[in-house]
Protein backbone atom coordinates (compact mmCIF):
# COMPACT_ATOMS: atom_id res chain seq x y z
CA MET A 1 0.00 0.00 0.00
CA THR A 2 1.15 3.53 -0.65
CA GLU A 3 3.30 4.45 2.31
CA LYS A 4 1.93 7.95 2.71
CA MET A 5 -1.22 9.43 1.35
CA TYR A 6 -0.31 13.00 2.15
CA ASP A 7 3.43 12.86 2.58
CA SER A 8 5.40 15.50 4.41
CA GLN A 9 8.84 15.78 5.91
CA ILE A 10 7.32 16.08 9.35
CA ALA A 11 5.24 13.17 10.57
CA PRO A 12 1.88 14.10 12.10
CA PRO A 13 1.76 13.69 15.84
CA SER A 14 -0.61 11.15 17.26
CA LEU A 15 -4.01 12.20 18.52
CA ALA A 16 -2.96 11.21 22.00
CA ASN A 17 -0.13 13.72 21.95
CA ALA A 18 -2.01 16.44 20.09
CA ARG A 19 -2.71 19.53 22.10
CA ILE A 20 -6.40 20.07 22.62
CA GLY A 21 -6.13 23.86 22.38
CA PRO A 22 -4.93 24.25 18.76
CA ARG A 23 -7.17 21.43 17.55
CA ALA A 24 -10.31 22.85 19.14
CA ILE A 25 -9.55 26.34 17.87
CA ALA A 26 -8.91 25.03 14.34
CA PHE A 27 -12.26 23.21 14.19
CA CYS A 28 -14.11 26.19 15.68
CA LEU A 29 -12.46 28.55 13.21
CA ILE A 30 -13.39 26.39 10.22
CA ALA A 31 -16.95 25.98 11.51
CA ALA A 32 -17.27 29.75 11.90
CA VAL A 33 -15.91 30.53 8.42
CA VAL A 34 -18.29 27.98 6.87
CA PHE A 35 -21.19 29.52 8.80
CA TYR A 36 -20.22 32.94 7.48
CA CYS A 37 -19.97 31.75 3.86
CA VAL A 38 -23.11 29.62 3.59
CA PRO A 39 -25.86 31.81 2.09
CA GLN A 40 -29.10 32.10 4.03
CA SER A 41 -31.13 32.04 0.82
CA MET A 42 -32.11 28.44 0.14
CA ALA A 43 -33.96 29.17 -3.11
CA ASP A 44 -31.98 26.75 -5.28
CA PRO A 45 -33.57 25.72 -8.61
CA ASP A 46 -33.33 22.01 -7.77
CA ILE A 47 -34.44 21.92 -4.15
CA TRP A 48 -38.14 22.37 -4.90
CA TRP A 49 -38.59 19.31 -7.09
CA HIS A 50 -36.28 17.36 -4.75
CA LEU A 51 -38.69 18.14 -1.90
CA ARG A 52 -41.65 17.06 -4.02
CA ASP A 53 -39.86 13.84 -5.01
CA ALA A 54 -39.12 13.00 -1.38
CA GLN A 55 -42.68 13.81 -0.36
CA LEU A 56 -44.16 11.52 -3.02
CA GLN A 57 -41.64 8.79 -2.28
CA LEU A 58 -42.51 8.74 1.42
CA ALA A 59 -46.26 9.07 0.80
CA THR A 60 -46.47 6.26 -1.77
CA HIS A 61 -43.65 4.06 -0.38
CA SER A 62 -42.36 3.64 -3.92
CA PHE A 63 -39.64 5.05 -6.14
CA ILE A 64 -40.44 7.49 -8.93
CA THR A 65 -39.94 5.91 -12.35
CA ARG A 66 -41.74 8.34 -14.67
CA ASP A 67 -42.10 12.09 -15.09
CA LEU A 68 -45.03 13.38 -13.08
CA PHE A 69 -44.60 17.14 -13.30
CA SER A 70 -44.40 18.32 -16.93
CA PHE A 71 -46.57 18.20 -20.00
CA THR A 72 -43.64 18.03 -22.42
CA ALA A 73 -42.31 14.75 -20.98
CA ALA A 74 -45.37 13.48 -19.13
CA GLY A 75 -45.10 9.77 -18.38
CA ALA A 76 -41.62 9.45 -19.87
CA PRO A 77 -39.21 7.10 -18.04
CA TRP A 78 -37.17 8.95 -15.42
CA MET A 79 -34.88 7.92 -12.57
CA ASN A 80 -34.76 9.72 -9.25
CA HIS A 81 -31.03 9.03 -9.07
CA GLU A 82 -30.47 11.20 -5.98
CA TRP A 83 -33.37 9.85 -3.95
CA LEU A 84 -31.40 9.16 -0.76
CA ALA A 85 -29.84 12.64 -0.65
CA GLU A 86 -33.28 14.24 -0.89
CA LEU A 87 -34.45 12.79 2.42
CA PRO A 88 -32.29 14.94 4.78
CA PHE A 89 -33.56 18.12 3.12
CA TYR A 90 -37.16 16.96 3.31
CA ALA A 91 -36.68 15.97 6.95
CA GLY A 92 -35.31 19.43 7.69
CA PHE A 93 -38.22 21.07 5.87
CA HIS A 94 -40.73 18.83 7.66
CA LEU A 95 -39.29 19.76 11.08
CA LEU A 96 -38.36 23.43 10.67
CA GLY A 97 -39.86 24.58 7.40
CA ILE A 98 -37.65 26.50 5.00
CA ASN A 99 -35.12 27.11 7.79
CA GLY A 100 -34.77 23.34 8.14
CA ILE A 101 -33.38 23.20 4.59
CA TYR A 102 -30.80 25.80 5.62
CA VAL A 103 -29.85 23.76 8.69
CA ALA A 104 -29.47 20.56 6.62
CA SER A 105 -27.25 22.36 4.10
CA LEU A 106 -25.14 24.03 6.78
CA LEU A 107 -24.56 20.77 8.68
CA ALA A 108 -23.55 18.95 5.49
CA ILE A 109 -21.03 21.65 4.55
CA GLU A 110 -19.67 21.79 8.11
CA ILE A 111 -19.09 18.02 8.03
CA ILE A 112 -17.27 18.25 4.70
CA PHE A 113 -14.82 20.93 5.80
CA SER A 114 -14.26 19.40 9.22
CA GLY A 115 -13.20 16.30 7.30
CA ILE A 116 -10.97 18.30 4.96
CA LEU A 117 -9.36 20.01 7.96
CA TYR A 118 -8.65 16.64 9.55
CA LEU A 119 -7.27 15.23 6.28
CA ALA A 120 -5.03 18.28 5.94
CA TYR A 121 -3.79 17.88 9.51
CA LEU A 122 -3.04 14.17 9.07
CA GLY A 123 -0.90 15.00 6.05
CA SER A 124 0.83 18.06 7.47
CA GLY A 125 1.05 17.67 11.24
CA SER A 126 0.24 21.37 11.57
CA TRP A 127 -3.13 22.75 12.59
CA ILE A 128 -2.07 26.17 11.27
CA ALA A 129 -1.23 24.85 7.80
CA ALA A 130 -4.38 22.69 7.79
CA SER A 131 -6.56 25.65 8.77
CA LEU A 132 -5.11 28.00 6.15
CA ALA A 133 -5.51 25.45 3.36
CA THR A 134 -9.03 24.54 4.46
CA ILE A 135 -10.13 28.18 4.55
CA ALA A 136 -8.87 28.58 0.97
CA GLY A 137 -10.89 25.48 0.10
CA ILE A 138 -14.01 27.00 1.66
CA PHE A 139 -13.78 30.08 -0.53
CA LEU A 140 -13.22 27.91 -3.60
CA SER A 141 -16.28 25.78 -2.86
CA THR A 142 -18.85 28.52 -2.36
CA ILE A 143 -20.04 27.86 -5.91
CA SER A 144 -21.90 24.82 -4.54
CA PHE A 145 -23.00 26.19 -1.17
CA GLY A 146 -26.73 25.69 -0.79
CA PRO A 147 -29.26 22.86 -0.63
CA ARG A 148 -27.46 20.62 -3.11
CA THR A 149 -27.66 16.83 -3.13
CA LEU A 150 -24.05 16.92 -4.33
CA LEU A 151 -23.01 17.86 -0.79
CA PHE A 152 -23.69 14.33 0.41
CA GLY A 153 -21.56 12.96 -2.42
CA TRP A 154 -18.67 15.14 -1.21
CA ILE A 155 -19.19 13.92 2.37
CA LEU A 156 -18.77 10.35 1.13
CA LEU A 157 -15.65 11.32 -0.84
CA VAL A 158 -14.06 12.80 2.29
CA ILE A 159 -14.91 9.61 4.19
CA GLU A 160 -13.31 7.55 1.41
CA LEU A 161 -10.07 9.56 1.64
CA LEU A 162 -10.06 9.19 5.42
CA ILE A 163 -10.43 5.43 4.99
CA PHE A 164 -7.45 5.38 2.62
CA THR A 165 -5.40 7.33 5.16
CA ARG A 166 -6.44 5.08 8.02
CA SER A 167 -5.74 1.93 6.00
CA ARG A 168 -2.00 2.53 6.43
CA LYS A 169 -2.38 1.35 10.04
CA GLN A 170 -5.65 -0.60 9.90
CA GLU A 171 -5.57 -2.51 6.63
CA ARG A 172 -8.93 -4.24 7.13
CA ILE A 173 -10.76 -0.92 7.14
CA VAL A 174 -10.87 -1.13 3.33
CA TRP A 175 -13.69 -3.67 3.71
CA THR A 176 -15.96 -0.79 4.68
CA LEU A 177 -15.64 0.72 1.21
CA PRO A 178 -18.28 -1.54 -0.46
CA ILE A 179 -20.80 -0.30 2.12
CA LEU A 180 -19.72 3.28 1.38
CA PHE A 181 -20.37 2.81 -2.35
CA LEU A 182 -23.70 1.11 -1.68
CA VAL A 183 -24.81 4.31 0.04
CA TRP A 184 -23.06 6.53 -2.50
CA VAL A 185 -24.71 5.15 -5.65
CA ASN A 186 -28.13 5.85 -4.13
CA THR A 187 -27.07 9.34 -3.07
CA HIS A 188 -25.38 11.01 -6.03
CA GLY A 189 -23.67 10.30 -9.33
CA SER A 190 -20.35 11.53 -7.93
CA TRP A 191 -19.75 7.91 -6.91
CA LEU A 192 -17.98 7.62 -10.28
CA ILE A 193 -15.30 10.01 -9.03
CA GLY A 194 -14.95 7.93 -5.87
CA ILE A 195 -14.61 4.59 -7.67
CA THR A 196 -12.03 6.13 -10.03
CA ILE A 197 -9.99 7.50 -7.13
CA PHE A 198 -10.20 4.06 -5.49
CA LEU A 199 -8.72 2.53 -8.65
CA LEU A 200 -5.93 5.14 -8.69
CA PHE A 201 -5.18 4.27 -5.06
CA ILE A 202 -4.79 0.60 -5.98
CA LEU A 203 -2.61 1.32 -9.02
CA SER A 204 -0.33 3.68 -7.08
CA SER A 205 -0.06 1.11 -4.29
CA GLY A 206 1.38 -1.41 -6.73
CA ILE A 207 4.40 0.63 -7.82
CA THR A 208 7.76 1.25 -6.19
CA LEU A 209 9.31 4.39 -7.60
CA GLN A 210 11.89 6.95 -6.52
CA ILE A 211 12.60 9.71 -8.98
CA GLY A 212 13.05 13.39 -8.26
CA CYS A 213 10.43 14.49 -5.74
CA ILE A 214 8.36 11.32 -6.24
CA GLU A 215 8.89 8.62 -3.67
CA ASN A 216 6.49 5.69 -3.67
CA ARG A 217 6.71 2.25 -2.08
CA ALA A 218 4.56 -0.61 -3.27
CA ALA A 219 2.23 -2.49 -0.94
CA SER A 220 2.60 -6.18 -0.31
CA ARG A 221 0.89 -8.71 -2.55
CA GLN A 222 -1.59 -9.54 0.21
CA GLN A 223 -2.50 -5.87 0.63
CA LEU A 224 -3.00 -5.43 -3.12
CA VAL A 225 -5.26 -8.48 -3.29
CA ARG A 226 -7.32 -7.12 -0.42
CA LEU A 227 -7.66 -3.75 -2.15
CA ALA A 228 -8.58 -5.34 -5.47
CA MET A 229 -11.26 -7.50 -3.84
CA SER A 230 -12.65 -4.50 -2.00
CA TRP A 231 -12.81 -2.56 -5.26
CA ALA A 232 -14.61 -5.45 -7.01
CA LEU A 233 -17.15 -5.68 -4.17
CA SER A 234 -17.60 -1.90 -4.29
CA ALA A 235 -18.29 -2.07 -8.04
CA ALA A 236 -20.81 -4.87 -7.45
CA ALA A 237 -22.49 -2.86 -4.68
CA LEU A 238 -23.26 -0.12 -7.20
CA PHE A 239 -25.95 -2.32 -8.72
CA LEU A 240 -27.85 -2.54 -5.42
CA ASN A 241 -30.19 0.33 -6.16
CA PRO A 242 -33.87 0.75 -7.13
CA TYR A 243 -33.08 1.29 -10.83
CA GLY A 244 -30.44 -1.38 -11.45
CA TRP A 245 -27.87 -0.98 -14.20
CA ARG A 246 -29.52 2.17 -15.58
CA LEU A 247 -28.57 4.13 -12.46
CA VAL A 248 -24.98 2.87 -12.65
CA PHE A 249 -24.66 4.04 -16.25
CA TYR A 250 -26.34 7.42 -15.65
CA PRO A 251 -23.06 9.38 -15.03
CA PHE A 252 -21.80 8.12 -18.40
CA ASN A 253 -25.05 9.19 -20.01
CA LEU A 254 -24.57 12.68 -18.57
CA ALA A 255 -20.99 12.87 -19.80
CA PHE A 256 -21.53 11.57 -23.35
CA HIS A 257 -25.18 12.13 -24.30
CA GLN A 258 -26.41 15.25 -22.48
CA LYS A 259 -24.50 17.73 -24.60
CA LEU A 260 -26.99 20.59 -24.29
CA ASN A 261 -27.15 20.15 -20.52
CA VAL A 262 -23.40 20.42 -20.11
CA ALA A 263 -23.08 23.23 -22.65
CA ASN A 264 -25.81 25.48 -21.22
CA VAL A 265 -25.78 25.03 -17.44
CA GLU A 266 -23.57 27.67 -15.83
CA GLU A 267 -21.71 25.47 -13.37
CA TRP A 268 -20.60 23.15 -16.18
CA GLN A 269 -18.69 26.03 -17.79
CA SER A 270 -14.91 26.29 -17.65
CA LEU A 271 -13.31 28.19 -14.79
CA ASP A 272 -12.98 31.94 -15.24
CA PHE A 273 -9.65 33.08 -13.80
CA HIS A 274 -10.97 36.65 -13.62
CA SER A 275 -13.53 35.56 -11.04
CA PRO A 276 -12.67 35.56 -7.31
CA ARG A 277 -12.74 31.75 -7.17
CA GLY A 278 -10.53 31.53 -10.24
CA ARG A 279 -7.99 33.83 -8.63
CA ILE A 280 -8.03 31.84 -5.40
CA LEU A 281 -7.36 28.59 -7.27
CA LEU A 282 -4.59 30.21 -9.32
CA PHE A 283 -2.99 31.68 -6.19
CA SER A 284 -3.16 28.28 -4.45
CA LEU A 285 -1.51 26.50 -7.37
CA VAL A 286 1.24 29.14 -7.66
CA LEU A 287 1.84 28.90 -3.91
CA LEU A 288 2.02 25.11 -4.13
CA PHE A 289 4.61 25.44 -6.91
CA LEU A 290 6.71 28.02 -5.06
CA LEU A 291 6.68 26.03 -1.83
CA GLN A 292 7.93 23.00 -3.75
CA LEU A 293 10.80 25.10 -5.15
CA LEU A 294 11.71 26.55 -1.77
CA ARG A 295 11.62 23.32 0.18
CA ALA A 296 10.90 20.30 -1.95
CA ARG A 297 8.96 17.55 -0.23
CA LYS A 298 8.46 14.00 -1.38
CA TRP A 299 5.20 13.18 -3.14
CA SER A 300 3.60 9.76 -3.35
CA LEU A 301 2.05 8.66 -6.64
CA PHE A 302 -1.40 8.76 -5.08
CA GLU A 303 -0.90 12.37 -3.98
CA LEU A 304 0.22 13.24 -7.51
CA ALA A 305 -2.86 11.52 -8.92
CA LEU A 306 -5.16 13.42 -6.54
CA ALA A 307 -3.57 16.72 -7.53
CA CYS A 308 -3.98 15.96 -11.24
CA VAL A 309 -7.62 14.90 -10.87
CA GLY A 310 -8.53 17.89 -8.70
CA ILE A 311 -6.79 20.53 -10.82
CA TYR A 312 -7.92 19.13 -14.17
CA SER A 313 -11.54 18.84 -13.03
CA ALA A 314 -11.66 22.38 -11.60
CA LEU A 315 -10.14 23.91 -14.71
CA ASN A 316 -12.66 22.19 -16.98
CA TYR A 317 -15.85 22.63 -14.95
CA SER A 318 -16.34 25.30 -12.33
CA ARG A 319 -18.65 23.05 -10.25
CA PHE A 320 -15.60 20.89 -9.52
CA LEU A 321 -13.89 23.66 -7.58
CA PHE A 322 -15.38 21.84 -4.59
CA LEU A 323 -13.63 18.66 -5.73
CA ALA A 324 -10.34 20.56 -5.99
CA ALA A 325 -10.83 21.82 -2.43
CA ILE A 326 -11.19 18.23 -1.19
CA LEU A 327 -8.31 16.74 -3.17
CA VAL A 328 -5.76 19.57 -3.45
CA MET A 329 -6.03 21.62 -0.26
CA PRO A 330 -4.71 18.84 2.03
CA LEU A 331 -1.70 18.65 -0.31
CA LEU A 332 -1.19 22.40 -0.01
CA ALA A 333 -1.29 22.03 3.78
CA ALA A 334 1.46 19.39 3.61
CA SER A 335 3.66 21.79 1.62
CA LEU A 336 2.89 24.68 3.99
CA ALA A 337 3.63 22.64 7.12
CA PRO A 338 7.45 23.01 7.29
CA PHE A 339 7.11 26.79 7.15
CA THR A 340 4.32 27.07 9.73
CA LEU A 341 6.00 24.60 12.08
CA ALA A 342 9.25 26.54 11.79
CA LEU A 343 7.44 29.58 13.16
CA ARG A 344 6.46 27.64 16.29
CA LEU A 345 3.58 30.00 16.91
CA ARG A 346 2.31 29.75 20.43
CA LEU A 347 -1.30 30.40 21.34
CA THR A 348 -0.53 33.44 23.47
CA PRO A 349 -3.44 35.18 25.19
CA LEU A 350 -3.33 37.92 22.54
CA LEU A 351 -3.48 35.41 19.69
CA ARG A 352 -6.29 33.49 21.40
CA ALA A 353 -8.24 36.72 21.79
CA ALA A 354 -7.72 37.61 18.12
CA LEU A 355 -8.92 34.18 16.99
CA ALA A 356 -11.91 34.39 19.34
CA ILE A 357 -12.88 37.78 17.86
CA LEU A 358 -12.53 36.37 14.33
CA ILE A 359 -14.70 33.36 15.16
CA LEU A 360 -17.35 35.48 16.86
CA GLY A 361 -17.34 37.91 13.94
CA CYS A 362 -18.00 35.07 11.48
CA ILE A 363 -20.87 33.84 13.63
CA LEU A 364 -22.49 37.05 14.83
CA GLY A 365 -22.39 38.83 11.47
CA PRO A 366 -24.88 36.54 9.69
CA ILE A 367 -26.98 36.16 12.86
CA ARG A 368 -27.29 39.93 13.26
CA THR A 369 -28.61 40.36 9.72
CA HIS A 370 -30.73 37.22 9.70
CA LYS A 371 -34.48 37.50 9.33
CA ALA A 372 -36.99 34.75 9.91
CA ASN A 373 -37.97 34.63 6.26
CA ALA A 374 -34.53 35.31 4.80
CA THR A 375 -34.35 31.84 3.30
CA LEU A 376 -37.38 32.55 1.16
CA SER A 377 -36.19 35.76 -0.49
CA ASP A 378 -34.51 35.33 -3.84
CA PRO A 379 -35.11 37.54 -6.89
CA ARG A 380 -34.35 34.60 -9.19
CA PHE A 381 -37.81 33.14 -8.47
CA PRO A 382 -41.38 34.44 -8.88
CA GLN A 383 -41.93 34.86 -5.16
CA LYS A 384 -43.90 38.11 -5.48
CA ALA A 385 -46.18 36.47 -8.02
CA LEU A 386 -46.92 33.49 -5.78
CA PRO A 387 -50.09 34.95 -4.17
CA PHE A 388 -51.54 35.59 -7.63
CA LEU A 389 -50.42 32.18 -8.90
CA SER A 390 -52.00 30.51 -5.86
CA THR A 391 -55.45 31.61 -7.03
CA PHE A 392 -54.78 31.52 -10.75
CA HIS A 393 -56.13 28.48 -12.61
CA PRO A 394 -54.82 28.48 -16.18
CA GLN A 395 -57.01 26.96 -18.85
CA GLY A 396 -54.18 25.81 -21.06
CA ARG A 397 -50.48 25.09 -21.22
CA VAL A 398 -47.90 27.33 -19.54
CA PHE A 399 -44.44 28.04 -20.92
CA ASN A 400 -42.22 28.78 -17.92
CA GLU A 401 -38.68 29.88 -17.19
CA GLN A 402 -36.80 26.57 -16.89
CA LEU A 403 -35.24 27.43 -13.53
CA TRP A 404 -38.68 28.26 -12.15
CA GLY A 405 -40.02 24.80 -12.96
CA GLY A 406 -39.10 23.27 -9.62
CA TYR A 407 -40.56 26.27 -7.79
CA LEU A 408 -43.87 25.71 -9.59
CA ILE A 409 -43.74 21.95 -8.98
CA TRP A 410 -43.65 22.60 -5.24
CA ASN A 411 -45.78 25.73 -4.94
CA LYS A 412 -48.31 25.42 -7.81
CA ARG A 413 -48.91 21.73 -8.26
CA ASP A 414 -51.92 22.04 -10.55
CA ILE A 415 -49.80 23.60 -13.32
CA PRO A 416 -47.83 21.05 -15.38
CA VAL A 417 -44.55 22.74 -16.28
CA PHE A 418 -42.94 23.08 -19.69
CA GLY A 419 -39.63 22.17 -18.09
CA ASP A 420 -37.54 22.41 -14.94
CA SER A 421 -33.92 21.97 -13.88
CA ARG A 422 -34.08 18.20 -14.47
CA ILE A 423 -32.55 19.01 -17.84
CA ASP A 424 -31.85 15.39 -18.80
CA ILE A 425 -35.44 14.27 -19.38
CA PHE A 426 -36.17 17.32 -21.54
CA GLU A 427 -33.02 16.97 -23.59
CA TYR A 428 -33.97 13.39 -24.44
CA ASN A 429 -37.24 14.41 -26.13
CA GLY A 430 -35.97 17.62 -27.73
CA SER A 431 -38.06 20.05 -25.66
CA PHE A 432 -34.98 21.56 -24.00
CA LYS A 433 -33.57 22.47 -27.41
CA ASP A 434 -36.91 24.04 -28.29
CA TYR A 435 -36.84 25.92 -24.98
CA LEU A 436 -33.42 27.35 -25.81
CA ASP A 437 -34.60 28.35 -29.29
CA ILE A 438 -37.65 30.10 -27.81
CA ILE A 439 -35.75 32.18 -25.24
CA ARG A 440 -33.04 32.99 -27.80
CA LEU A 441 -35.75 34.17 -30.22
CA THR A 442 -35.00 31.51 -32.81
CA ASN A 443 -38.47 31.18 -34.36
CA PRO A 444 -40.16 31.49 -30.93
CA LEU A 445 -43.71 32.17 -32.15
CA ALA A 446 -43.85 29.01 -34.24
CA LEU A 447 -42.46 26.94 -31.37
CA LEU A 448 -45.00 28.34 -28.91
CA ASP A 449 -47.67 27.38 -31.44
CA LYS A 450 -46.12 23.91 -31.76
CA TYR A 451 -46.63 23.23 -28.04
CA GLN A 452 -50.01 25.01 -28.04
CA ILE A 453 -48.84 27.40 -25.34
CA ARG A 454 -51.55 29.70 -23.98
CA TYR A 455 -49.59 31.32 -21.13
CA VAL A 456 -45.99 32.46 -20.75
CA LEU A 457 -44.61 32.86 -17.20
CA PHE A 458 -41.21 34.44 -17.55
CA GLU A 459 -38.84 37.21 -16.49
CA SER A 460 -40.51 40.56 -17.00
CA LYS A 461 -37.48 42.21 -18.65
CA SER A 462 -36.49 39.39 -20.99
CA PRO A 463 -36.30 39.73 -24.82
CA LEU A 464 -38.98 37.02 -25.14
CA THR A 465 -41.60 38.87 -23.10
CA TYR A 466 -40.82 42.13 -24.91
CA LEU A 467 -41.34 40.41 -28.26
CA LEU A 468 -44.64 38.87 -27.19
CA LYS A 469 -45.93 42.20 -25.88
CA VAL A 470 -45.19 44.08 -29.10
CA THR A 471 -46.86 41.46 -31.31
CA GLY A 472 -50.23 42.54 -29.94
CA LYS A 473 -51.34 38.93 -29.69
CA TRP A 474 -50.54 38.48 -25.98
CA LYS A 475 -52.04 40.31 -23.01
CA VAL A 476 -50.60 40.82 -19.51
CA ASP A 477 -52.43 38.92 -16.76
CA TYR A 478 -49.86 39.79 -14.07
CA GLU A 479 -46.60 41.71 -13.87
CA ASP A 480 -44.13 42.89 -11.23
CA ASP A 481 -40.49 43.93 -11.34
CA THR A 482 -39.27 40.35 -11.85
CA THR A 483 -42.16 38.30 -13.27
CA VAL A 484 -44.77 38.59 -15.99
CA LEU A 485 -47.62 36.26 -16.91
CA LEU A 486 -48.76 36.69 -20.50
CA GLU A 487 -51.88 35.11 -21.96
CA ARG A 488 -52.47 34.51 -25.62
CA ALA A 489 -55.16 36.87 -26.88
CA SER A 490 -55.85 34.83 -30.02
CA PRO A 491 -55.93 31.06 -30.65
CA ALA A 492 -52.64 29.33 -31.39
CA SER A 493 -51.90 28.67 -35.04
CA LYS A 494 -52.43 25.09 -36.14
């Protein structure tokens, strides 16, 4: 087995000898920074239909297998491939309402970064280096802060890395990985990242190599056999899900067949280095490079593989900045460690007071500005129009903003949507392409006629609503500063 997962020139002290003070302060600091960074608005495009899925699943005691919410894909086969991750959010909503969703999201993110902090410490032996690297990871990952099912996939990835680290001393712990993947496949499609990293761990554990800054020692034959068997059992466990092989192949379907989804969803776009997150990642990579020049440390092959996977993924798709935080930041902490340990900073009363003020500032700031209904307010959704929509009973089909689909599914259940943020099912039947053509004004009037649309619920200041207003064939039923509901004034063309 790979000798060191996160190698450093200074071995991490044992937990028994670790000082409680620095450890407690490090975890409190990370918890406070996470609390400060997690937005109080929980109005995510996906959360609404996730809540409805969970509600139906628990009410009917069965898994959803067909589309129930739209008229464009009504009855079409569909997999609720994140069904297990929906349940914590629904439980939070059931107990505390909209604030319960916030609590579920906050706890999930706190768990992730507590795990990253611990991983960074195990590889560096320095709580200071681990804290600095983890805080950088927090700022990188804010792109996915919110009620996202992906959070539970990242929790499982952190647990997997902790298992790999622990397996250096407790080899039999690798037998827990099949159970991990059994849970993971029912939680989120990010299991594919986990199973790939598992394979990289096995391959790196089978090579002895010493060249330049790379130093890797192969595991014994018995250890490799145990790892290979655990991987095979983990792969088999993937098929223990309500949808069988189709769920296992879904991540490949997303990667190779959902071209419009990947091309048009913002978080699938490449990283912009002019953005704050892009600058933080660039600074972290430059710092990692400079630290290696100043005081080269030995890297294991597995560490090198983690760095390559994390950096490549983040550069290609901005949503994987979170993945880079998990995989790369512990490596940055290991490179920082010799410099922070050389400082031998002591937790003097003045430094303790400064850290206490920083922690309290991160906590009290959001609390001071928090309002009871803050989680509901989000200009991206037709919240102001909801009272009107609650009493409005359309006599015909409604064309809606795609990102509002989930909001309507939860709040206006008698209106079948044109589409929602489950892009996959609408890409399969071509309606997502038609949606894009409509909002981009590529023959929109003919396409609205094609679907026999009588109402358009859309952003009030969009080019589409302006066009419909000036045609003279659509009248305004409702309008505010964010939302307009237009009704066709003449029958749709046949």
